[in-house]
Amino acid sequence: MATPRKKEPAKKSAPKKVATVRDEELTALDVHAIQLHELYKAYRRAGFDVANTLTLITSPDAHPDWFMTVPDLELLEDEEEDD
């Protein structure tokens, strides 16, 4: 008859490292990428499938009026000079 095995205590794992993000201002490309991502999520929430959503995002005619299709670098540079 075999003897029952003793349960070993659970090993404590080392705490996971937390990624830190540098505090830096957004570039025009960052703003454009964020807008595209938000537009994608909005279309998906509205029920569009992935293919139609990607088609709408890549078509500048389908973007809303407030959407910056091409980042206006001069506008962003003027805001930085005001600070």
C-alpha atoms as a PDB file:
ATOM      1  CA  MET A   1       0.000   0.000   0.000  1.00  0.00           C
ATOM      2  CA  ALA A   2       1.417   3.341  -1.058  1.00  0.00           C
ATOM      3  CA  THR A   3       1.754   6.187   1.355  1.00  0.00           C
ATOM      4  CA  PRO A   4      -0.089   9.414   0.455  1.00  0.00           C
ATOM      5  CA  ARG A   5       2.072  12.214  -0.870  1.00  0.00           C
ATOM      6  CA  LYS A   6       2.464  15.311   1.209  1.00  0.00           C
ATOM      7  CA  LYS A   7       1.344  18.513  -0.463  1.00  0.00           C
ATOM      8  CA  GLU A   8       4.143  21.003  -0.917  1.00  0.00           C
ATOM      9  CA  PRO A   9       3.419  24.598   0.059  1.00  0.00           C
ATOM     10  CA  ALA A  10       2.715  26.900  -2.881  1.00  0.00           C
ATOM     11  CA  LYS A  11       5.745  28.818  -4.081  1.00  0.00           C
ATOM     12  CA  LYS A  12       5.519  32.569  -3.913  1.00  0.00           C
ATOM     13  CA  SER A  13       6.109  34.184  -7.262  1.00  0.00           C
ATOM     14  CA  ALA A  14       8.099  37.349  -7.629  1.00  0.00           C
ATOM     15  CA  PRO A  15       5.994  40.476  -8.119  1.00  0.00           C
ATOM     16  CA  LYS A  16       5.480  41.321 -11.765  1.00  0.00           C
ATOM     17  CA  LYS A  17       7.277  44.331 -13.112  1.00  0.00           C
ATOM     18  CA  VAL A  18       5.071  47.240 -14.036  1.00  0.00           C
ATOM     19  CA  ALA A  19       5.778  48.949 -17.324  1.00  0.00           C
ATOM     20  CA  THR A  20       6.223  52.660 -16.917  1.00  0.00           C
ATOM     21  CA  VAL A  21       5.296  55.071 -19.644  1.00  0.00           C
ATOM     22  CA  ARG A  22       7.296  58.185 -20.278  1.00  0.00           C
ATOM     23  CA  ASP A  23       5.332  61.364 -19.901  1.00  0.00           C
ATOM     24  CA  GLU A  24       5.676  62.947 -23.293  1.00  0.00           C
ATOM     25  CA  GLU A  25       3.400  64.995 -25.465  1.00  0.00           C
ATOM     26  CA  LEU A  26       1.537  63.396 -28.323  1.00  0.00           C
ATOM     27  CA  THR A  27       2.839  63.917 -31.824  1.00  0.00           C
ATOM     28  CA  ALA A  28       0.590  64.532 -34.813  1.00  0.00           C
ATOM     29  CA  LEU A  29       1.035  60.893 -35.811  1.00  0.00           C
ATOM     30  CA  ASP A  30      -0.001  59.767 -32.319  1.00  0.00           C
ATOM     31  CA  VAL A  31      -3.149  61.882 -32.500  1.00  0.00           C
ATOM     32  CA  HIS A  32      -3.994  60.512 -35.939  1.00  0.00           C
ATOM     33  CA  ALA A  33      -3.479  56.908 -34.808  1.00  0.00           C
ATOM     34  CA  ILE A  34      -5.669  57.459 -31.752  1.00  0.00           C
ATOM     35  CA  GLN A  35      -8.411  58.962 -33.918  1.00  0.00           C
ATOM     36  CA  LEU A  36      -8.285  56.013 -36.306  1.00  0.00           C
ATOM     37  CA  HIS A  37      -8.472  53.571 -33.398  1.00  0.00           C
ATOM     38  CA  GLU A  38     -11.434  55.380 -31.818  1.00  0.00           C
ATOM     39  CA  LEU A  39     -13.203  55.498 -35.184  1.00  0.00           C
ATOM     40  CA  TYR A  40     -12.606  51.752 -35.633  1.00  0.00           C
ATOM     41  CA  LYS A  41     -14.030  50.986 -32.189  1.00  0.00           C
ATOM     42  CA  ALA A  42     -17.071  53.192 -32.858  1.00  0.00           C
ATOM     43  CA  TYR A  43     -17.852  51.416 -36.136  1.00  0.00           C
ATOM     44  CA  ARG A  44     -17.458  48.010 -34.471  1.00  0.00           C
ATOM     45  CA  ARG A  45     -19.765  49.026 -31.590  1.00  0.00           C
ATOM     46  CA  ALA A  46     -22.300  50.178 -34.182  1.00  0.00           C
ATOM     47  CA  GLY A  47     -22.385  46.649 -35.598  1.00  0.00           C
ATOM     48  CA  PHE A  48     -20.169  46.896 -38.668  1.00  0.00           C
ATOM     49  CA  ASP A  49     -18.084  43.840 -39.478  1.00  0.00           C
ATOM     50  CA  VAL A  50     -14.293  44.064 -39.724  1.00  0.00           C
ATOM     51  CA  ALA A  51     -14.166  44.269 -43.536  1.00  0.00           C
ATOM     52  CA  ASN A  52     -16.677  47.121 -43.749  1.00  0.00           C
ATOM     53  CA  THR A  53     -15.057  48.931 -40.847  1.00  0.00           C
ATOM     54  CA  LEU A  54     -11.620  48.831 -42.459  1.00  0.00           C
ATOM     55  CA  THR A  55     -13.126  50.010 -45.744  1.00  0.00           C
ATOM     56  CA  LEU A  56     -14.776  52.982 -44.034  1.00  0.00           C
ATOM     57  CA  ILE A  57     -11.636  53.893 -42.130  1.00  0.00           C
ATOM     58  CA  THR A  58      -9.439  53.858 -45.218  1.00  0.00           C
ATOM     59  CA  SER A  59     -11.932  55.984 -47.173  1.00  0.00           C
ATOM     60  CA  PRO A  60     -11.443  59.669 -46.293  1.00  0.00           C
ATOM     61  CA  ASP A  61     -14.896  60.503 -47.702  1.00  0.00           C
ATOM     62  CA  ALA A  62     -16.521  58.436 -44.932  1.00  0.00           C
ATOM     63  CA  HIS A  63     -14.786  60.284 -42.088  1.00  0.00           C
ATOM     64  CA  PRO A  64     -16.769  62.734 -39.958  1.00  0.00           C
ATOM     65  CA  ASP A  65     -16.154  66.476 -40.327  1.00  0.00           C
ATOM     66  CA  TRP A  66     -14.206  66.737 -37.064  1.00  0.00           C
ATOM     67  CA  PHE A  67     -11.834  63.944 -38.100  1.00  0.00           C
ATOM     68  CA  MET A  68      -8.298  65.034 -39.019  1.00  0.00           C
ATOM     69  CA  THR A  69      -7.568  62.840 -42.063  1.00  0.00           C
ATOM     70  CA  VAL A  70      -4.121  64.339 -42.548  1.00  0.00           C
ATOM     71  CA  PRO A  71      -2.552  65.661 -39.369  1.00  0.00           C
ATOM     72  CA  ASP A  72      -2.200  69.432 -39.629  1.00  0.00           C
ATOM     73  CA  LEU A  73       1.309  69.944 -38.330  1.00  0.00           C
ATOM     74  CA  GLU A  74       1.119  73.736 -38.541  1.00  0.00           C
ATOM     75  CA  LEU A  75      -1.912  73.782 -36.235  1.00  0.00           C
ATOM     76  CA  LEU A  76      -0.105  71.655 -33.662  1.00  0.00           C
ATOM     77  CA  GLU A  77       3.061  73.764 -33.910  1.00  0.00           C
ATOM     78  CA  ASP A  78       1.031  76.937 -33.277  1.00  0.00           C
ATOM     79  CA  GLU A  79      -0.439  75.416 -30.107  1.00  0.00           C
ATOM     80  CA  GLU A  80       3.051  74.560 -28.843  1.00  0.00           C
ATOM     81  CA  GLU A  81       4.270  78.117 -29.424  1.00  0.00           C
ATOM     82  CA  ASP A  82       1.379  79.538 -27.354  1.00  0.00           C
ATOM     83  CA  ASP A  83       2.542  77.660 -24.236  1.00  0.00           C
END
